[in-house]
Amino acid sequence: MADTESETVATVAPEPEPEAETPEVAAPPPAGLPRVVLAADAPADPSGAVTAEARALAEAGNYVLLATPAEAAEAATSAEVVGAGVVRLLTVPVDAAAAAEIALARADVAALAGPGLVTGMRRRMARRRLETVRRDVWAEAAADAGWAVRCDAAYQPYVEAFAPVAQASSGKAATLDAKAAQPEGVVLGVGPTNTAGQGHAWAGAVRAHLPGVRTETWALSSTNTFGYPADRSVSTDEWLSRTWQLGQLAHVLDNFTHVLAECAHPPFGRLNGPWANADAAELRAAGVALALAFHGSEIRDPAKQRERVPFSPFDPDHELTRSLQSKVDRFAPVVRAMDVPKFVSTPDLLHDVPDAAWLPVVVDPDAWACDREPFERERPVVVHAPSSPFTKGTALIEPVVQELHDAGVIEYRRIKGVSHADMPALMADADIVLDQFVFGAYGVMSVQAMAAGRLTFCYVHESTAEHLPEDVPLVNANPETLREELERVLAERDDAKALAARGPAYVREHHDGTRSARVLADFLGVSP
């Protein structure tokens, strides 16, 4: 069963339940950007008439897709906010042989970079040849009576994905009459990681507790190995496809007023870059509010976590630690520079994203409810389901439980490769659930176990405990104290049963989605 990458969750002191009421919707967002296509049959000079025409359309409040023939073998695109709108340049190969010839001549120029008199002379000759090749190619295209038709055919898949409300050939922008599509009310889009099913769960909490707000989730199928639900599944091929990316851009701008980008992944796929900062300007221009949500390893600083928390798994000599550290060192400055609301699924991550708010993970208490009481068997069943043994501390605690299993004291079950749908039944047959023992806070697995009324063991560090109620119904154990705590529980079964019995009420109070919806209400501009 997958957990959040952070492997931790925490709560704050209970607040009085507010009376149910219809949320007050904030002032409506800007009127959106009508999407229009301007098609050219030659490359656009940055200072030329076609570019000026596109920029004038954008300044008038349009999102302009300027499609031109490419001088390279692959389609490429880039965007710029211009005035009240956006110009997105899309270059598409129309004649593959001609594009390859230009690309080869350009590569010859690039290969001659560097100092030296001879190199400089050869570079000037290569530049002259590049200009000759370009001039000949486009002169031949201009003489081709069917060239404009070929261009339109090459552009068509991208144009269809972009779903414009109007389109015209260059020089005819004045004929365009466009009006933007707009979603009704407040609509939240969440994606694309759906880590431990939390993107979908947060969306469900918003719908359940913020009346009138609609949601949609999308998730990369490559990361959904445990079968968590999402409204839309996105394949890796789609994620990397220019046509899918343009279609996703159109879908976001037409259907959402707010986007919660998990792990700061870009809402438009890899259209602009690897992270959401690359999409932020276009979203802002279109009146779509952006926020970020973090789950754990994508933003957790291994070095700082190692300094703060005993039993940290982040050995600086470990290959995975070095990889995670390298990614965070590149990623964290990007996150810090983004002036948008930020949320973390667990309070330990507030050390890494100090300007974030804690957004509790959500489970459905009814889905995990169990009538069977724990500790009715002489030999209790102890379950450990490490989605990532490295981040759960499995190697540190498994020798202890295996020894107790071999001695006949407990029945230890390590769960592997089980779908999310099958986990409630496995949890119901357990007496004790072991969550994680290296990060210092409890995770989704603990919440599920408490919802099922199972006795939950987890390592909760003091830096996390300060964010929690005083008496969380779990056993706080670390790798050094696990044996002692297990033996104590087995000797005091009535107390253990009483502690486990408090779990379902605790989950309903803190993790059924009510509190998470309240956290998101400000971002969505509604009253909980």
Protein backbone atom coordinates (compact mmCIF):
# COMPACT_ATOMS: atom_id res chain seq x y z
CA MET A 1 0.00 0.00 0.00
CA ALA A 2 1.56 3.30 -1.03
CA ASP A 3 1.94 6.05 1.51
CA THR A 4 2.63 9.71 0.96
CA GLU A 5 6.26 10.20 0.01
CA SER A 6 6.69 12.16 3.19
CA GLU A 7 5.35 9.12 5.05
CA THR A 8 3.94 11.48 7.66
CA VAL A 9 0.78 13.24 8.67
CA ALA A 10 -0.08 15.42 11.62
CA THR A 11 -2.99 17.31 13.10
CA VAL A 12 -3.68 20.37 15.20
CA ALA A 13 -5.88 20.88 18.20
CA PRO A 14 -9.62 20.39 17.56
CA GLU A 15 -11.68 23.40 16.53
CA PRO A 16 -15.42 23.90 17.00
CA GLU A 17 -17.41 22.52 14.09
CA PRO A 18 -18.91 25.42 12.10
CA GLU A 19 -22.54 25.42 11.08
CA ALA A 20 -23.09 24.19 7.54
CA GLU A 21 -23.61 27.03 5.12
CA THR A 22 -23.31 27.79 1.45
CA PRO A 23 -19.86 29.23 0.79
CA GLU A 24 -19.49 32.84 -0.17
CA VAL A 25 -17.79 32.97 -3.53
CA ALA A 26 -15.09 35.58 -3.94
CA ALA A 27 -15.06 38.11 -6.74
CA PRO A 28 -15.06 36.38 -10.14
CA PRO A 29 -11.71 35.90 -11.86
CA PRO A 30 -10.76 37.85 -14.97
CA ALA A 31 -12.83 37.11 -18.05
CA GLY A 32 -10.29 34.59 -19.37
CA LEU A 33 -8.40 34.59 -22.63
CA PRO A 34 -10.03 33.66 -25.94
CA ARG A 35 -7.74 31.23 -27.74
CA VAL A 36 -7.05 32.12 -31.37
CA VAL A 37 -4.72 30.71 -34.01
CA LEU A 38 -2.70 32.81 -36.42
CA ALA A 39 -1.14 30.62 -39.13
CA ALA A 40 1.88 31.68 -41.19
CA ASP A 41 3.55 29.91 -44.12
CA ALA A 42 7.08 31.15 -43.33
CA PRO A 43 9.14 31.47 -40.13
CA ALA A 44 8.21 34.50 -38.06
CA ASP A 45 10.86 37.19 -37.76
CA PRO A 46 10.77 38.50 -34.14
CA SER A 47 10.64 42.05 -35.51
CA GLY A 48 8.49 41.24 -38.53
CA ALA A 49 4.89 41.93 -39.45
CA VAL A 50 3.55 38.49 -38.49
CA THR A 51 5.00 38.70 -34.99
CA ALA A 52 3.66 42.23 -34.60
CA GLU A 53 0.23 41.03 -35.68
CA ALA A 54 0.29 38.24 -33.08
CA ARG A 55 1.44 40.61 -30.33
CA ALA A 56 -1.31 43.08 -31.15
CA LEU A 57 -3.88 40.30 -30.79
CA ALA A 58 -2.40 39.33 -27.44
CA GLU A 59 -2.37 42.90 -26.18
CA ALA A 60 -6.08 43.03 -26.97
CA GLY A 61 -6.65 40.17 -24.49
CA ASN A 62 -6.27 36.99 -26.56
CA TYR A 63 -4.21 33.83 -26.19
CA VAL A 64 -2.55 33.60 -29.61
CA LEU A 65 -1.06 30.43 -31.03
CA LEU A 66 1.24 31.60 -33.82
CA ALA A 67 1.92 28.55 -36.01
CA THR A 68 4.87 28.70 -38.40
CA PRO A 69 7.00 26.19 -40.34
CA ALA A 70 9.94 24.80 -38.38
CA GLU A 71 13.59 24.90 -39.28
CA ALA A 72 14.18 21.80 -37.19
CA ALA A 73 13.09 18.17 -37.28
CA GLU A 74 10.74 18.40 -34.29
CA ALA A 75 7.90 20.69 -33.27
CA ALA A 76 8.83 23.27 -30.66
CA THR A 77 6.93 25.90 -28.73
CA SER A 78 7.47 28.80 -26.35
CA ALA A 79 5.19 31.40 -24.81
CA GLU A 80 5.35 35.02 -23.72
CA VAL A 81 2.83 37.11 -21.83
CA VAL A 82 2.17 40.23 -23.90
CA GLY A 83 -0.01 42.93 -22.40
CA ALA A 84 -3.31 41.37 -21.38
CA GLY A 85 -2.71 38.20 -23.34
CA VAL A 86 -0.24 35.53 -24.42
CA VAL A 87 1.63 34.74 -27.63
CA ARG A 88 2.68 31.11 -28.02
CA LEU A 89 4.98 30.45 -30.95
CA LEU A 90 4.60 26.95 -32.39
CA THR A 91 7.06 25.81 -35.03
CA VAL A 92 6.06 22.64 -36.90
CA PRO A 93 8.08 20.67 -39.47
CA VAL A 94 6.26 20.88 -42.81
CA ASP A 95 8.94 19.63 -45.20
CA ALA A 96 11.10 17.18 -43.23
CA ALA A 97 13.96 17.20 -45.76
CA ALA A 98 14.13 21.00 -45.91
CA ALA A 99 13.96 21.30 -42.10
CA ALA A 100 16.76 18.74 -41.74
CA GLU A 101 18.93 20.63 -44.25
CA ILE A 102 18.55 23.87 -42.29
CA ALA A 103 19.13 22.09 -38.99
CA LEU A 104 22.34 20.53 -40.31
CA ALA A 105 23.65 23.88 -41.52
CA ARG A 106 22.83 25.42 -38.15
CA ALA A 107 24.62 22.57 -36.36
CA ASP A 108 27.72 23.30 -38.46
CA VAL A 109 27.71 26.86 -37.11
CA ALA A 110 27.26 25.71 -33.53
CA ALA A 111 30.13 23.23 -33.86
CA LEU A 112 32.53 26.07 -34.68
CA ALA A 113 32.04 27.97 -31.45
CA GLY A 114 35.21 29.06 -29.70
CA PRO A 115 38.24 31.34 -30.10
CA GLY A 116 40.85 31.36 -32.81
CA LEU A 117 41.34 33.13 -36.12
CA VAL A 118 40.86 30.06 -38.28
CA THR A 119 37.82 28.95 -36.28
CA GLY A 120 36.33 32.42 -36.66
CA MET A 121 36.82 32.40 -40.42
CA ARG A 122 35.26 28.94 -40.74
CA ARG A 123 32.37 30.03 -38.53
CA ARG A 124 31.67 33.04 -40.80
CA MET A 125 31.67 30.75 -43.82
CA ALA A 126 29.27 28.36 -42.06
CA ARG A 127 26.95 31.25 -41.23
CA ARG A 128 26.91 32.35 -44.88
CA ARG A 129 26.06 28.82 -45.92
CA LEU A 130 23.26 28.68 -43.34
CA GLU A 131 21.76 31.90 -44.70
CA THR A 132 22.03 30.56 -48.26
CA VAL A 133 20.30 27.30 -47.30
CA ARG A 134 17.52 29.16 -45.47
CA ARG A 135 17.00 31.59 -48.36
CA ASP A 136 16.82 28.77 -50.91
CA VAL A 137 14.46 26.64 -48.82
CA TRP A 138 11.97 29.42 -48.22
CA ALA A 139 12.19 30.70 -51.78
CA GLU A 140 11.28 27.22 -52.97
CA ALA A 141 8.42 27.06 -50.47
CA ALA A 142 7.08 30.44 -51.62
CA ALA A 143 7.06 29.19 -55.19
CA ASP A 144 5.10 26.07 -54.23
CA ALA A 145 1.40 26.68 -54.98
CA GLY A 146 0.44 24.01 -52.45
CA TRP A 147 2.72 25.16 -49.66
CA ALA A 148 0.02 26.93 -47.61
CA VAL A 149 -2.16 23.82 -47.77
CA ARG A 150 0.77 21.68 -46.61
CA CYS A 151 1.37 24.07 -43.73
CA ASP A 152 -2.26 23.91 -42.64
CA ALA A 153 -2.17 20.11 -42.76
CA ALA A 154 0.98 19.99 -40.62
CA TYR A 155 -0.49 22.43 -38.09
CA GLN A 156 -3.87 20.72 -37.87
CA PRO A 157 -3.21 18.20 -35.03
CA TYR A 158 -1.81 20.97 -32.84
CA VAL A 159 -4.58 23.40 -33.72
CA GLU A 160 -7.26 20.82 -32.94
CA ALA A 161 -5.66 20.11 -29.56
CA PHE A 162 -5.44 23.84 -28.80
CA ALA A 163 -9.18 24.12 -29.53
CA PRO A 164 -9.27 27.77 -30.63
CA VAL A 165 -12.47 29.75 -30.79
CA ALA A 166 -11.21 31.44 -33.98
CA GLN A 167 -8.34 31.19 -36.45
CA ALA A 168 -6.99 33.07 -39.43
CA SER A 169 -4.01 33.24 -41.74
CA SER A 170 -1.33 35.84 -41.10
CA GLY A 171 -2.37 39.24 -42.38
CA LYS A 172 -6.03 38.57 -41.58
CA ALA A 173 -6.07 39.00 -37.81
CA ALA A 174 -8.68 41.74 -38.14
CA THR A 175 -11.22 39.12 -39.17
CA LEU A 176 -10.98 37.29 -35.82
CA ASP A 177 -13.89 37.58 -33.40
CA ALA A 178 -13.25 35.58 -30.24
CA LYS A 179 -14.83 35.09 -26.83
CA ALA A 180 -13.34 32.98 -24.05
CA ALA A 181 -15.05 29.94 -22.60
CA GLN A 182 -15.41 30.22 -18.83
CA PRO A 183 -16.21 27.70 -16.11
CA GLU A 184 -19.25 28.46 -13.98
CA GLY A 185 -18.56 28.99 -10.28
CA VAL A 186 -15.41 27.75 -8.58
CA VAL A 187 -13.72 24.70 -10.11
CA LEU A 188 -10.54 23.15 -8.69
CA GLY A 189 -8.18 20.97 -10.73
CA VAL A 190 -5.75 18.73 -8.83
CA GLY A 191 -2.86 16.72 -10.28
CA PRO A 192 -0.82 15.04 -11.52
CA THR A 193 0.80 12.69 -8.94
CA ASN A 194 -2.17 11.67 -6.76
CA THR A 195 0.37 10.36 -4.26
CA ALA A 196 -1.25 7.75 -1.98
CA GLY A 197 -4.54 8.84 -3.55
CA GLN A 198 -4.37 12.18 -1.76
CA GLY A 199 -4.99 14.44 -4.77
CA HIS A 200 -8.29 12.66 -5.38
CA ALA A 201 -9.07 12.59 -1.64
CA TRP A 202 -8.48 16.33 -1.23
CA ALA A 203 -10.74 17.00 -4.21
CA GLY A 204 -13.43 14.81 -2.65
CA ALA A 205 -13.11 16.69 0.63
CA VAL A 206 -13.59 20.00 -1.18
CA ARG A 207 -16.75 18.75 -2.89
CA ALA A 208 -18.14 17.28 0.34
CA HIS A 209 -17.46 20.22 2.63
CA LEU A 210 -17.44 23.30 0.38
CA PRO A 211 -20.86 23.22 -1.32
CA GLY A 212 -20.92 24.56 -4.84
CA VAL A 213 -17.23 23.95 -5.55
CA ARG A 214 -16.55 21.41 -8.30
CA THR A 215 -13.32 19.47 -8.81
CA GLU A 216 -11.42 17.31 -11.27
CA THR A 217 -8.29 15.23 -10.73
CA TRP A 218 -5.78 13.82 -13.19
CA ALA A 219 -2.92 11.45 -12.45
CA LEU A 220 0.08 10.02 -14.23
CA SER A 221 -0.55 6.33 -14.77
CA SER A 222 3.16 5.58 -14.37
CA THR A 223 3.02 6.54 -10.68
CA ASN A 224 -0.35 4.93 -9.90
CA THR A 225 0.89 1.39 -9.26
CA PHE A 226 -1.58 0.83 -6.41
CA GLY A 227 -4.72 1.69 -8.36
CA TYR A 228 -5.83 4.88 -6.66
CA PRO A 229 -8.84 6.52 -8.29
CA ALA A 230 -8.56 9.69 -10.37
CA ASP A 231 -10.94 11.36 -12.80
CA ARG A 232 -8.43 11.21 -15.65
CA SER A 233 -5.40 8.99 -16.18
CA VAL A 234 -2.45 10.39 -18.14
CA SER A 235 0.08 8.10 -19.81
CA THR A 236 3.76 8.96 -20.08
CA ASP A 237 3.41 9.28 -23.85
CA GLU A 238 0.61 11.80 -23.39
CA TRP A 239 2.53 13.73 -20.76
CA LEU A 240 5.41 14.21 -23.21
CA SER A 241 3.25 14.79 -26.30
CA ARG A 242 3.00 18.33 -27.72
CA THR A 243 -0.58 17.73 -28.88
CA TRP A 244 -1.64 16.41 -25.46
CA GLN A 245 0.10 19.34 -23.76
CA LEU A 246 -1.72 21.89 -25.91
CA GLY A 247 -4.98 20.05 -25.26
CA GLN A 248 -4.27 20.05 -21.53
CA LEU A 249 -3.59 23.80 -21.67
CA ALA A 250 -6.95 24.33 -23.35
CA HIS A 251 -8.69 22.04 -20.84
CA VAL A 252 -7.21 23.86 -17.84
CA LEU A 253 -8.00 27.34 -19.13
CA ASP A 254 -11.57 26.41 -20.12
CA ASN A 255 -12.54 24.36 -17.08
CA PHE A 256 -10.71 25.49 -13.94
CA THR A 257 -10.64 28.62 -11.85
CA HIS A 258 -8.01 27.14 -9.50
CA VAL A 259 -5.25 24.54 -9.89
CA LEU A 260 -3.47 22.65 -7.10
CA ALA A 261 -0.21 21.43 -8.64
CA GLU A 262 1.07 18.42 -6.73
CA CYS A 263 4.84 18.32 -6.22
CA ALA A 264 4.93 21.56 -8.27
CA HIS A 265 4.52 19.54 -11.45
CA PRO A 266 3.39 21.73 -14.37
CA PRO A 267 -0.39 21.80 -14.98
CA PHE A 268 0.21 21.81 -18.76
CA GLY A 269 2.50 18.77 -18.72
CA ARG A 270 6.00 19.36 -20.06
CA LEU A 271 4.81 22.06 -22.46
CA ASN A 272 6.95 24.79 -20.91
CA GLY A 273 9.31 23.04 -18.55
CA PRO A 274 9.63 20.53 -15.69
CA TRP A 275 7.99 22.58 -12.94
CA ALA A 276 4.87 24.65 -12.40
CA ASN A 277 6.75 27.95 -12.34
CA ALA A 278 6.98 27.68 -16.14
CA ASP A 279 3.16 27.70 -16.43
CA ALA A 280 2.48 30.34 -13.77
CA ALA A 281 2.51 33.43 -16.00
CA GLU A 282 0.02 31.97 -18.50
CA LEU A 283 -2.29 30.80 -15.72
CA ARG A 284 -2.17 34.23 -14.12
CA ALA A 285 -2.89 35.95 -17.43
CA ALA A 286 -5.93 33.69 -17.91
CA GLY A 287 -7.21 34.33 -14.38
CA VAL A 288 -6.55 30.80 -13.10
CA ALA A 289 -5.20 30.74 -9.53
CA LEU A 290 -2.25 28.41 -8.86
CA ALA A 291 -1.18 26.71 -5.62
CA LEU A 292 1.38 24.00 -4.87
CA ALA A 293 1.02 20.87 -2.74
CA PHE A 294 3.98 18.78 -1.58
CA HIS A 295 3.96 15.18 -0.40
CA GLY A 296 7.51 14.55 0.75
CA SER A 297 10.65 13.36 -0.98
CA GLU A 298 10.34 15.83 -3.85
CA ILE A 299 10.98 18.74 -1.44
CA ARG A 300 12.42 17.23 1.76
CA ASP A 301 16.07 18.21 2.25
CA PRO A 302 17.94 15.01 3.23
CA ALA A 303 20.83 16.83 4.90
CA LYS A 304 18.59 19.01 7.07
CA GLN A 305 16.33 16.08 7.93
CA ARG A 306 19.35 14.03 8.95
CA GLU A 307 20.47 16.80 11.30
CA ARG A 308 17.04 17.13 12.88
CA VAL A 309 15.69 13.60 13.23
CA PRO A 310 17.42 10.55 14.77
CA PHE A 311 17.16 7.34 12.73
CA SER A 312 16.97 9.38 9.51
CA PRO A 313 17.40 7.08 6.50
CA PHE A 314 19.46 9.65 4.63
CA ASP A 315 22.98 8.23 4.79
CA PRO A 316 25.08 10.75 2.84
CA ASP A 317 26.98 7.86 1.23
CA HIS A 318 23.79 6.20 0.00
CA GLU A 319 23.14 6.56 -3.74
CA LEU A 320 19.45 7.38 -3.23
CA THR A 321 20.32 10.07 -0.68
CA ARG A 322 22.73 11.70 -3.11
CA SER A 323 20.13 11.58 -5.86
CA LEU A 324 17.41 13.11 -3.68
CA GLN A 325 19.79 15.78 -2.38
CA SER A 326 20.76 16.78 -5.91
CA LYS A 327 17.12 17.09 -6.96
CA VAL A 328 16.12 19.11 -3.89
CA ASP A 329 19.11 21.44 -4.29
CA ARG A 330 17.85 22.31 -7.78
CA PHE A 331 14.16 22.29 -6.97
CA ALA A 332 13.93 24.12 -3.63
CA PRO A 333 15.10 27.52 -4.96
CA VAL A 334 12.41 27.32 -7.65
CA VAL A 335 9.76 26.67 -5.00
CA ARG A 336 11.01 29.46 -2.75
CA ALA A 337 10.83 31.94 -5.64
CA MET A 338 7.19 31.16 -6.46
CA ASP A 339 4.80 33.63 -4.88
CA VAL A 340 1.76 31.34 -4.72
CA PRO A 341 -0.04 29.52 -1.89
CA LYS A 342 1.79 26.37 -0.81
CA PHE A 343 0.60 23.35 1.14
CA VAL A 344 2.32 20.33 2.66
CA SER A 345 0.65 17.04 3.46
CA THR A 346 2.67 16.62 6.67
CA PRO A 347 3.94 19.20 9.16
CA ASP A 348 7.52 17.91 9.12
CA LEU A 349 7.73 19.42 5.63
CA LEU A 350 7.19 22.89 7.08
CA HIS A 351 10.93 22.80 7.80
CA ASP A 352 11.47 22.55 4.05
CA VAL A 353 8.64 24.86 2.91
CA PRO A 354 8.31 27.35 5.77
CA ASP A 355 5.79 29.54 3.95
CA ALA A 356 3.42 26.60 3.44
CA ALA A 357 0.26 25.61 5.30
CA TRP A 358 -0.38 22.09 6.53
CA LEU A 359 -3.02 20.29 4.44
CA PRO A 360 -3.93 17.05 6.29
CA VAL A 361 -4.21 13.81 4.37
CA VAL A 362 -7.70 12.42 3.98
CA VAL A 363 -9.19 8.93 4.32
CA ASP A 364 -12.79 7.73 4.22
CA PRO A 365 -13.44 6.43 7.77
CA ASP A 366 -16.32 4.25 6.60
CA ALA A 367 -14.13 2.47 4.04
CA TRP A 368 -11.75 1.36 6.80
CA ALA A 369 -14.26 0.70 9.58
CA CYS A 370 -14.02 -2.79 11.07
CA ASP A 371 -16.30 -4.66 13.47
CA ARG A 372 -13.66 -7.12 14.67
CA GLU A 373 -11.83 -6.00 17.79
CA PRO A 374 -8.06 -6.44 17.95
CA PHE A 375 -6.20 -8.71 20.37
CA GLU A 376 -8.80 -11.46 20.48
CA ARG A 377 -6.21 -14.00 19.28
CA GLU A 378 -3.50 -15.43 21.51
CA ARG A 379 -0.94 -14.70 18.80
CA PRO A 380 -1.65 -11.19 17.46
CA VAL A 381 -1.14 -10.43 13.78
CA VAL A 382 1.38 -7.65 13.12
CA VAL A 383 1.26 -6.04 9.66
CA HIS A 384 3.88 -3.89 7.93
CA ALA A 385 3.20 -2.65 4.39
CA PRO A 386 6.24 -0.64 3.26
CA SER A 387 5.54 1.11 -0.02
CA SER A 388 9.21 2.10 0.23
CA PRO A 389 11.29 0.08 2.73
CA PHE A 390 13.95 2.80 2.61
CA THR A 391 11.55 5.50 3.80
CA LYS A 392 9.74 3.23 6.28
CA GLY A 393 12.83 2.02 8.12
CA THR A 394 11.94 -1.60 7.36
CA ALA A 395 15.52 -2.84 7.65
CA LEU A 396 15.79 -1.39 11.15
CA ILE A 397 12.61 -2.92 12.59
CA GLU A 398 12.12 -6.15 10.68
CA PRO A 399 14.73 -8.17 12.60
CA VAL A 400 12.84 -7.41 15.83
CA VAL A 401 9.43 -8.48 14.58
CA GLN A 402 10.83 -11.48 12.72
CA GLU A 403 12.46 -12.73 15.90
CA LEU A 404 9.16 -12.36 17.80
CA HIS A 405 7.42 -14.15 14.95
CA ASP A 406 9.91 -17.04 15.02
CA ALA A 407 9.41 -17.31 18.78
CA GLY A 408 5.65 -17.69 18.29
CA VAL A 409 4.84 -14.45 20.13
CA ILE A 410 3.31 -12.69 17.12
CA GLU A 411 2.39 -13.51 13.54
CA TYR A 412 4.29 -11.06 11.33
CA ARG A 413 2.98 -10.28 7.85
CA ARG A 414 4.88 -8.06 5.44
CA ILE A 415 2.46 -6.84 2.76
CA LYS A 416 3.74 -6.30 -0.78
CA GLY A 417 2.12 -5.31 -4.06
CA VAL A 418 -1.45 -5.14 -2.74
CA SER A 419 -3.87 -2.76 -4.45
CA HIS A 420 -5.50 0.07 -2.58
CA ALA A 421 -8.90 -1.63 -2.93
CA ASP A 422 -7.68 -4.77 -1.14
CA MET A 423 -6.02 -3.04 1.79
CA PRO A 424 -9.07 -2.54 4.08
CA ALA A 425 -9.64 -6.30 4.30
CA LEU A 426 -5.97 -6.95 5.12
CA MET A 427 -6.04 -4.20 7.71
CA ALA A 428 -9.18 -5.62 9.30
CA ASP A 429 -7.41 -8.94 9.85
CA ALA A 430 -4.52 -7.29 11.70
CA ASP A 431 -4.14 -6.46 15.37
CA ILE A 432 -1.08 -4.23 15.15
CA VAL A 433 0.06 -2.07 12.22
CA LEU A 434 3.64 -0.84 11.90
CA ASP A 435 3.93 2.40 9.91
CA GLN A 436 7.30 4.17 9.65
CA PHE A 437 10.26 4.48 12.02
CA VAL A 438 12.71 6.93 10.40
CA PHE A 439 10.91 10.16 9.47
CA GLY A 440 9.52 11.07 12.86
CA ALA A 441 5.84 11.51 12.04
CA TYR A 442 2.92 9.26 11.22
CA GLY A 443 1.68 8.72 7.69
CA VAL A 444 -1.32 7.67 5.64
CA MET A 445 -0.88 4.08 6.75
CA SER A 446 -1.25 5.15 10.37
CA VAL A 447 -4.42 7.07 9.58
CA GLN A 448 -5.90 4.07 7.82
CA ALA A 449 -4.91 1.77 10.68
CA MET A 450 -6.46 4.07 13.28
CA ALA A 451 -9.63 4.32 11.19
CA ALA A 452 -9.82 0.52 11.28
CA GLY A 453 -9.36 0.46 15.05
CA ARG A 454 -5.97 -1.27 14.82
CA LEU A 455 -3.17 -0.49 17.27
CA THR A 456 -0.72 1.68 15.37
CA PHE A 457 3.03 1.86 15.97
CA CYS A 458 5.00 4.78 14.56
CA TYR A 459 7.97 6.99 15.37
CA VAL A 460 6.85 10.56 16.12
CA HIS A 461 9.69 13.03 16.64
CA GLU A 462 9.25 15.99 18.98
CA SER A 463 9.44 18.47 16.09
CA THR A 464 6.27 16.89 14.73
CA ALA A 465 4.63 16.22 18.09
CA GLU A 466 4.37 19.95 18.73
CA HIS A 467 1.85 20.17 15.88
CA LEU A 468 -0.27 17.29 17.23
CA PRO A 469 -2.93 16.96 19.92
CA GLU A 470 -1.44 15.86 23.22
CA ASP A 471 -2.74 12.29 23.13
CA VAL A 472 -2.68 10.80 19.64
CA PRO A 473 -3.99 7.20 19.80
CA LEU A 474 -0.87 5.43 18.64
CA VAL A 475 2.25 3.88 20.17
CA ASN A 476 5.27 6.12 19.67
CA ALA A 477 8.18 3.75 19.11
CA ASN A 478 11.52 3.98 17.35
CA PRO A 479 13.84 1.21 16.14
CA GLU A 480 15.52 1.05 19.54
CA THR A 481 12.31 0.88 21.61
CA LEU A 482 10.10 -1.20 19.30
CA ARG A 483 10.74 -4.55 21.03
CA GLU A 484 10.08 -3.09 24.46
CA GLU A 485 6.85 -1.41 23.31
CA LEU A 486 5.59 -4.55 21.60
CA GLU A 487 6.26 -6.66 24.69
CA ARG A 488 4.53 -4.08 26.88
CA VAL A 489 1.45 -4.00 24.64
CA LEU A 490 1.21 -7.77 24.59
CA ALA A 491 1.40 -7.81 28.38
CA GLU A 492 -1.24 -5.08 28.75
CA ARG A 493 -3.81 -6.09 26.15
CA ASP A 494 -6.79 -4.33 27.70
CA ASP A 495 -4.96 -1.01 27.60
CA ALA A 496 -3.87 -1.70 24.04
CA LYS A 497 -7.46 -2.44 22.99
CA ALA A 498 -8.64 0.77 24.62
CA LEU A 499 -5.99 2.81 22.79
CA ALA A 500 -6.85 1.22 19.46
CA ALA A 501 -10.56 1.83 20.04
CA ARG A 502 -9.94 5.60 20.13
CA GLY A 503 -8.52 5.57 16.61
CA PRO A 504 -11.74 5.79 14.53
CA ALA A 505 -13.02 8.86 16.40
CA TYR A 506 -9.63 10.53 16.08
CA VAL A 507 -9.61 9.99 12.31
CA ARG A 508 -13.15 11.33 11.93
CA GLU A 509 -12.14 14.43 13.83
CA HIS A 510 -8.91 15.15 12.02
CA HIS A 511 -8.65 13.22 8.74
CA ASP A 512 -12.10 12.77 7.20
CA GLY A 513 -11.57 15.79 4.93
CA THR A 514 -13.40 18.44 6.94
CA ARG A 515 -10.21 20.09 8.19
CA SER A 516 -8.50 19.81 4.81
CA ALA A 517 -11.42 21.53 3.08
CA ARG A 518 -11.15 24.38 5.57
CA VAL A 519 -7.47 24.79 4.75
CA LEU A 520 -8.22 25.01 1.03
CA ALA A 521 -11.20 27.35 1.44
CA ASP A 522 -9.09 30.52 1.58
CA PHE A 523 -7.22 29.59 -1.58
CA LEU A 524 -10.53 28.88 -3.33
CA GLY A 525 -12.04 32.16 -2.15
CA VAL A 526 -14.96 30.54 -0.35
CA SER A 527 -16.15 30.32 3.24
CA PRO A 528 -16.12 26.86 4.86
